[in-house]
């Protein structure tokens, strides 16, 4: 099985993360077009992820890597933050998979998820506070945003990694 399903591979290669590298020094019109492209890329990745069934540990690690990368590309973490964790989450950088390496990967993947969901609350917190006085649905906005983004799949994939890690550690 391919690490990344073929229909998702193109979207992942053209990930919105690469768009963020292009966005500096662009005109406002170009920036708007790049943001639209980023949103469409996230939408495509979100739709295709339902078909990606990670079977092996290597597949699960790759899925977490791709989803964390997509989360950064969608703006749920800063570029410098991704650059700091990318080598830890890249399954290709693992010489061997032992419980220690798996625990480190798991901690970074979970931290990425927590940080990304926290970013939503940090960015929209003041606006939610403003609207919650007269719009009762405002409080649910962060959860709705998480459930409709790659963060939903990242959370599921981190959970799957945790279950696999527990199975792995119980066999040692």
C-alpha atoms as a PDB file:
ATOM      1  CA  UNK A   1       0.000   0.000   0.000  1.00  0.00           C
ATOM      2  CA  UNK A   2       1.212   3.512  -0.790  1.00  0.00           C
ATOM      3  CA  UNK A   3       1.999   5.690   2.179  1.00  0.00           C
ATOM      4  CA  UNK A   4      -0.381   8.311   0.833  1.00  0.00           C
ATOM      5  CA  UNK A   5      -3.417   7.292  -1.248  1.00  0.00           C
ATOM      6  CA  UNK A   6      -2.910   8.394  -4.854  1.00  0.00           C
ATOM      7  CA  UNK A   7      -5.839  10.848  -4.930  1.00  0.00           C
ATOM      8  CA  UNK A   8      -4.555  12.508  -1.775  1.00  0.00           C
ATOM      9  CA  UNK A   9      -0.917  12.548  -2.860  1.00  0.00           C
ATOM     10  CA  UNK A  10      -1.371  15.389  -5.339  1.00  0.00           C
ATOM     11  CA  UNK A  11      -3.186  17.539  -2.803  1.00  0.00           C
ATOM     12  CA  UNK A  12      -0.570  16.780  -0.172  1.00  0.00           C
ATOM     13  CA  UNK A  13       2.274  17.674  -2.542  1.00  0.00           C
ATOM     14  CA  UNK A  14       0.502  20.926  -3.429  1.00  0.00           C
ATOM     15  CA  UNK A  15      -0.335  21.459   0.196  1.00  0.00           C
ATOM     16  CA  UNK A  16      -1.330  24.810   1.442  1.00  0.00           C
ATOM     17  CA  UNK A  17       1.893  24.746   3.483  1.00  0.00           C
ATOM     18  CA  UNK A  18       3.755  25.466   0.265  1.00  0.00           C
ATOM     19  CA  UNK A  19       1.319  28.283  -0.428  1.00  0.00           C
ATOM     20  CA  UNK A  20       2.372  29.988   2.803  1.00  0.00           C
ATOM     21  CA  UNK A  21       5.969  30.037   1.591  1.00  0.00           C
ATOM     22  CA  UNK A  22       4.787  31.889  -1.533  1.00  0.00           C
ATOM     23  CA  UNK A  23       2.579  34.451   0.156  1.00  0.00           C
ATOM     24  CA  UNK A  24       5.226  36.947   1.283  1.00  0.00           C
ATOM     25  CA  UNK A  25       5.850  39.906  -1.026  1.00  0.00           C
ATOM     26  CA  UNK A  26       2.707  39.300  -3.096  1.00  0.00           C
ATOM     27  CA  UNK A  27       0.045  41.792  -4.081  1.00  0.00           C
ATOM     28  CA  UNK A  28      -3.198  41.760  -2.116  1.00  0.00           C
ATOM     29  CA  UNK A  29      -5.039  40.258  -5.087  1.00  0.00           C
ATOM     30  CA  UNK A  30      -2.484  37.444  -5.334  1.00  0.00           C
ATOM     31  CA  UNK A  31      -2.685  36.858  -1.584  1.00  0.00           C
ATOM     32  CA  UNK A  32      -6.481  36.508  -1.822  1.00  0.00           C
ATOM     33  CA  UNK A  33      -6.113  33.984  -4.653  1.00  0.00           C
ATOM     34  CA  UNK A  34      -3.533  32.033  -2.636  1.00  0.00           C
ATOM     35  CA  UNK A  35      -5.818  31.992   0.428  1.00  0.00           C
ATOM     36  CA  UNK A  36      -8.676  30.694  -1.752  1.00  0.00           C
ATOM     37  CA  UNK A  37      -6.361  28.009  -3.124  1.00  0.00           C
ATOM     38  CA  UNK A  38      -5.322  27.106   0.423  1.00  0.00           C
ATOM     39  CA  UNK A  39      -8.967  26.717   1.498  1.00  0.00           C
ATOM     40  CA  UNK A  40      -9.772  24.548  -1.538  1.00  0.00           C
ATOM     41  CA  UNK A  41      -6.702  22.392  -0.861  1.00  0.00           C
ATOM     42  CA  UNK A  42      -7.783  21.864   2.751  1.00  0.00           C
ATOM     43  CA  UNK A  43     -11.298  20.988   1.562  1.00  0.00           C
ATOM     44  CA  UNK A  44      -9.920  18.423  -0.911  1.00  0.00           C
ATOM     45  CA  UNK A  45      -7.639  16.880   1.712  1.00  0.00           C
ATOM     46  CA  UNK A  46     -10.531  16.752   4.203  1.00  0.00           C
ATOM     47  CA  UNK A  47     -12.759  14.907   1.712  1.00  0.00           C
ATOM     48  CA  UNK A  48     -10.077  12.428   0.635  1.00  0.00           C
ATOM     49  CA  UNK A  49      -8.997  11.579   4.175  1.00  0.00           C
ATOM     50  CA  UNK A  50     -12.125   9.555   4.806  1.00  0.00           C
ATOM     51  CA  UNK A  51     -10.827   7.044   2.241  1.00  0.00           C
ATOM     52  CA  UNK A  52      -7.358   6.724   3.781  1.00  0.00           C
ATOM     53  CA  UNK A  53      -7.262   3.623   5.939  1.00  0.00           C
ATOM     54  CA  UNK A  54      -3.899   3.391   7.660  1.00  0.00           C
ATOM     55  CA  UNK A  55      -3.120  -0.292   8.136  1.00  0.00           C
ATOM     56  CA  UNK A  56       0.480  -0.504   9.305  1.00  0.00           C
ATOM     57  CA  UNK A  57       2.348   1.489  11.931  1.00  0.00           C
ATOM     58  CA  UNK A  58       4.281   3.166   9.121  1.00  0.00           C
ATOM     59  CA  UNK A  59       0.957   4.204   7.522  1.00  0.00           C
ATOM     60  CA  UNK A  60      -0.293   5.639  10.824  1.00  0.00           C
ATOM     61  CA  UNK A  61       2.924   7.600  11.337  1.00  0.00           C
ATOM     62  CA  UNK A  62       2.757   8.963   7.778  1.00  0.00           C
ATOM     63  CA  UNK A  63      -0.898   9.907   8.192  1.00  0.00           C
ATOM     64  CA  UNK A  64      -0.076  11.885  11.348  1.00  0.00           C
ATOM     65  CA  UNK A  65       2.784  13.613   9.536  1.00  0.00           C
ATOM     66  CA  UNK A  66       0.634  14.553   6.529  1.00  0.00           C
ATOM     67  CA  UNK A  67      -2.184  15.809   8.742  1.00  0.00           C
ATOM     68  CA  UNK A  68       0.133  17.899  10.922  1.00  0.00           C
ATOM     69  CA  UNK A  69       1.637  19.387   7.768  1.00  0.00           C
ATOM     70  CA  UNK A  70      -1.833  20.132   6.409  1.00  0.00           C
ATOM     71  CA  UNK A  71      -2.809  21.729   9.747  1.00  0.00           C
ATOM     72  CA  UNK A  72       0.127  24.089   9.446  1.00  0.00           C
ATOM     73  CA  UNK A  73      -0.708  24.833   5.840  1.00  0.00           C
ATOM     74  CA  UNK A  74      -4.276  25.651   6.840  1.00  0.00           C
ATOM     75  CA  UNK A  75      -2.968  28.163   9.381  1.00  0.00           C
ATOM     76  CA  UNK A  76      -3.576  26.234  12.590  1.00  0.00           C
ATOM     77  CA  UNK A  77       0.062  26.680  13.595  1.00  0.00           C
ATOM     78  CA  UNK A  78       2.851  29.019  12.602  1.00  0.00           C
ATOM     79  CA  UNK A  79       5.395  28.097   9.948  1.00  0.00           C
ATOM     80  CA  UNK A  80       8.301  28.296  12.389  1.00  0.00           C
ATOM     81  CA  UNK A  81       6.469  25.895  14.712  1.00  0.00           C
ATOM     82  CA  UNK A  82       6.091  23.370  11.898  1.00  0.00           C
ATOM     83  CA  UNK A  83       9.746  23.724  10.964  1.00  0.00           C
ATOM     84  CA  UNK A  84      10.689  22.971  14.568  1.00  0.00           C
ATOM     85  CA  UNK A  85       8.663  19.716  14.781  1.00  0.00           C
ATOM     86  CA  UNK A  86       8.786  18.520  11.164  1.00  0.00           C
ATOM     87  CA  UNK A  87      11.860  16.330  11.593  1.00  0.00           C
ATOM     88  CA  UNK A  88      10.345  14.598  14.640  1.00  0.00           C
ATOM     89  CA  UNK A  89       7.078  13.850  12.829  1.00  0.00           C
ATOM     90  CA  UNK A  90       8.677  12.771   9.561  1.00  0.00           C
ATOM     91  CA  UNK A  91       8.540   8.954   9.556  1.00  0.00           C
ATOM     92  CA  UNK A  92      11.438   8.900   7.111  1.00  0.00           C
ATOM     93  CA  UNK A  93      13.688  10.314   9.821  1.00  0.00           C
ATOM     94  CA  UNK A  94      13.020   7.386  12.170  1.00  0.00           C
ATOM     95  CA  UNK A  95      15.974   5.005  11.973  1.00  0.00           C
ATOM     96  CA  UNK A  96      14.003   2.371  13.846  1.00  0.00           C
ATOM     97  CA  UNK A  97      10.718   2.279  15.661  1.00  0.00           C
ATOM     98  CA  UNK A  98      11.119   1.480  19.311  1.00  0.00           C
ATOM     99  CA  UNK A  99       8.881   2.427  22.203  1.00  0.00           C
ATOM    100  CA  UNK A 100      10.984   5.492  23.032  1.00  0.00           C
ATOM    101  CA  UNK A 101      10.790   6.859  19.462  1.00  0.00           C
ATOM    102  CA  UNK A 102       7.088   6.034  19.304  1.00  0.00           C
ATOM    103  CA  UNK A 103       6.457   7.876  22.582  1.00  0.00           C
ATOM    104  CA  UNK A 104       8.321  10.954  21.340  1.00  0.00           C
ATOM    105  CA  UNK A 105       6.390  10.893  18.060  1.00  0.00           C
ATOM    106  CA  UNK A 106       3.128  10.482  19.976  1.00  0.00           C
ATOM    107  CA  UNK A 107       3.889  13.386  22.323  1.00  0.00           C
ATOM    108  CA  UNK A 108       4.756  15.719  19.450  1.00  0.00           C
ATOM    109  CA  UNK A 109       1.696  14.654  17.422  1.00  0.00           C
ATOM    110  CA  UNK A 110      -0.594  15.184  20.432  1.00  0.00           C
ATOM    111  CA  UNK A 111       1.057  18.527  21.186  1.00  0.00           C
ATOM    112  CA  UNK A 112       0.554  19.577  17.568  1.00  0.00           C
ATOM    113  CA  UNK A 113      -3.142  18.792  17.826  1.00  0.00           C
ATOM    114  CA  UNK A 114      -3.524  20.615  21.145  1.00  0.00           C
ATOM    115  CA  UNK A 115      -1.585  23.640  19.918  1.00  0.00           C
ATOM    116  CA  UNK A 116      -3.568  23.807  16.664  1.00  0.00           C
ATOM    117  CA  UNK A 117      -6.943  23.672  18.395  1.00  0.00           C
ATOM    118  CA  UNK A 118      -5.705  26.249  20.895  1.00  0.00           C
ATOM    119  CA  UNK A 119      -4.720  28.505  18.011  1.00  0.00           C
ATOM    120  CA  UNK A 120      -8.374  28.641  16.943  1.00  0.00           C
ATOM    121  CA  UNK A 121      -9.433  29.777  20.393  1.00  0.00           C
ATOM    122  CA  UNK A 122      -6.619  32.323  20.547  1.00  0.00           C
ATOM    123  CA  UNK A 123      -7.412  33.799  17.139  1.00  0.00           C
ATOM    124  CA  UNK A 124     -11.201  33.897  17.467  1.00  0.00           C
ATOM    125  CA  UNK A 125     -11.577  34.244  21.247  1.00  0.00           C
ATOM    126  CA  UNK A 126     -12.227  37.995  21.341  1.00  0.00           C
ATOM    127  CA  UNK A 127     -14.744  37.824  18.499  1.00  0.00           C
ATOM    128  CA  UNK A 128     -16.573  34.909  20.111  1.00  0.00           C
ATOM    129  CA  UNK A 129     -16.755  36.854  23.376  1.00  0.00           C
ATOM    130  CA  UNK A 130     -18.194  39.831  21.497  1.00  0.00           C
ATOM    131  CA  UNK A 131     -20.869  37.771  19.704  1.00  0.00           C
ATOM    132  CA  UNK A 132     -21.845  35.412  22.513  1.00  0.00           C
ATOM    133  CA  UNK A 133     -23.867  38.159  24.222  1.00  0.00           C
ATOM    134  CA  UNK A 134     -26.473  38.163  21.459  1.00  0.00           C
ATOM    135  CA  UNK A 135     -25.707  35.022  19.403  1.00  0.00           C
ATOM    136  CA  UNK A 136     -25.905  31.798  21.414  1.00  0.00           C
ATOM    137  CA  UNK A 137     -24.320  29.758  18.601  1.00  0.00           C
ATOM    138  CA  UNK A 138     -21.085  31.775  18.798  1.00  0.00           C
ATOM    139  CA  UNK A 139     -19.731  29.592  21.606  1.00  0.00           C
ATOM    140  CA  UNK A 140     -19.867  26.531  19.347  1.00  0.00           C
ATOM    141  CA  UNK A 141     -17.858  28.155  16.567  1.00  0.00           C
ATOM    142  CA  UNK A 142     -14.438  26.759  17.607  1.00  0.00           C
ATOM    143  CA  UNK A 143     -15.803  23.222  17.830  1.00  0.00           C
ATOM    144  CA  UNK A 144     -17.592  23.564  14.485  1.00  0.00           C
ATOM    145  CA  UNK A 145     -14.392  24.842  12.886  1.00  0.00           C
ATOM    146  CA  UNK A 146     -12.357  21.962  14.318  1.00  0.00           C
ATOM    147  CA  UNK A 147     -14.900  19.374  13.163  1.00  0.00           C
ATOM    148  CA  UNK A 148     -14.934  20.781   9.642  1.00  0.00           C
ATOM    149  CA  UNK A 149     -11.145  20.961   9.239  1.00  0.00           C
ATOM    150  CA  UNK A 150      -8.163  18.645   8.955  1.00  0.00           C
ATOM    151  CA  UNK A 151      -7.905  18.908  12.746  1.00  0.00           C
ATOM    152  CA  UNK A 152     -10.780  16.426  13.059  1.00  0.00           C
ATOM    153  CA  UNK A 153      -8.784  13.840  11.121  1.00  0.00           C
ATOM    154  CA  UNK A 154      -5.590  14.754  12.958  1.00  0.00           C
ATOM    155  CA  UNK A 155      -7.355  14.087  16.268  1.00  0.00           C
ATOM    156  CA  UNK A 156      -8.616  10.737  15.008  1.00  0.00           C
ATOM    157  CA  UNK A 157      -5.182   9.823  13.698  1.00  0.00           C
ATOM    158  CA  UNK A 158      -3.445  10.806  16.939  1.00  0.00           C
ATOM    159  CA  UNK A 159      -5.977   8.639  18.793  1.00  0.00           C
ATOM    160  CA  UNK A 160      -5.258   5.739  16.441  1.00  0.00           C
ATOM    161  CA  UNK A 161      -1.538   6.230  17.024  1.00  0.00           C
ATOM    162  CA  UNK A 162      -2.122   6.174  20.793  1.00  0.00           C
ATOM    163  CA  UNK A 163      -4.044   2.904  20.578  1.00  0.00           C
ATOM    164  CA  UNK A 164      -1.326   1.388  18.381  1.00  0.00           C
ATOM    165  CA  UNK A 165       1.383   2.589  20.765  1.00  0.00           C
ATOM    166  CA  UNK A 166      -0.462   0.985  23.678  1.00  0.00           C
ATOM    167  CA  UNK A 167      -0.666  -2.309  21.788  1.00  0.00           C
ATOM    168  CA  UNK A 168       3.003  -2.027  20.864  1.00  0.00           C
ATOM    169  CA  UNK A 169       4.076  -1.340  24.454  1.00  0.00           C
ATOM    170  CA  UNK A 170       1.952  -4.175  25.836  1.00  0.00           C
ATOM    171  CA  UNK A 171       3.767  -6.697  23.629  1.00  0.00           C
ATOM    172  CA  UNK A 172       7.214  -5.715  24.916  1.00  0.00           C
END
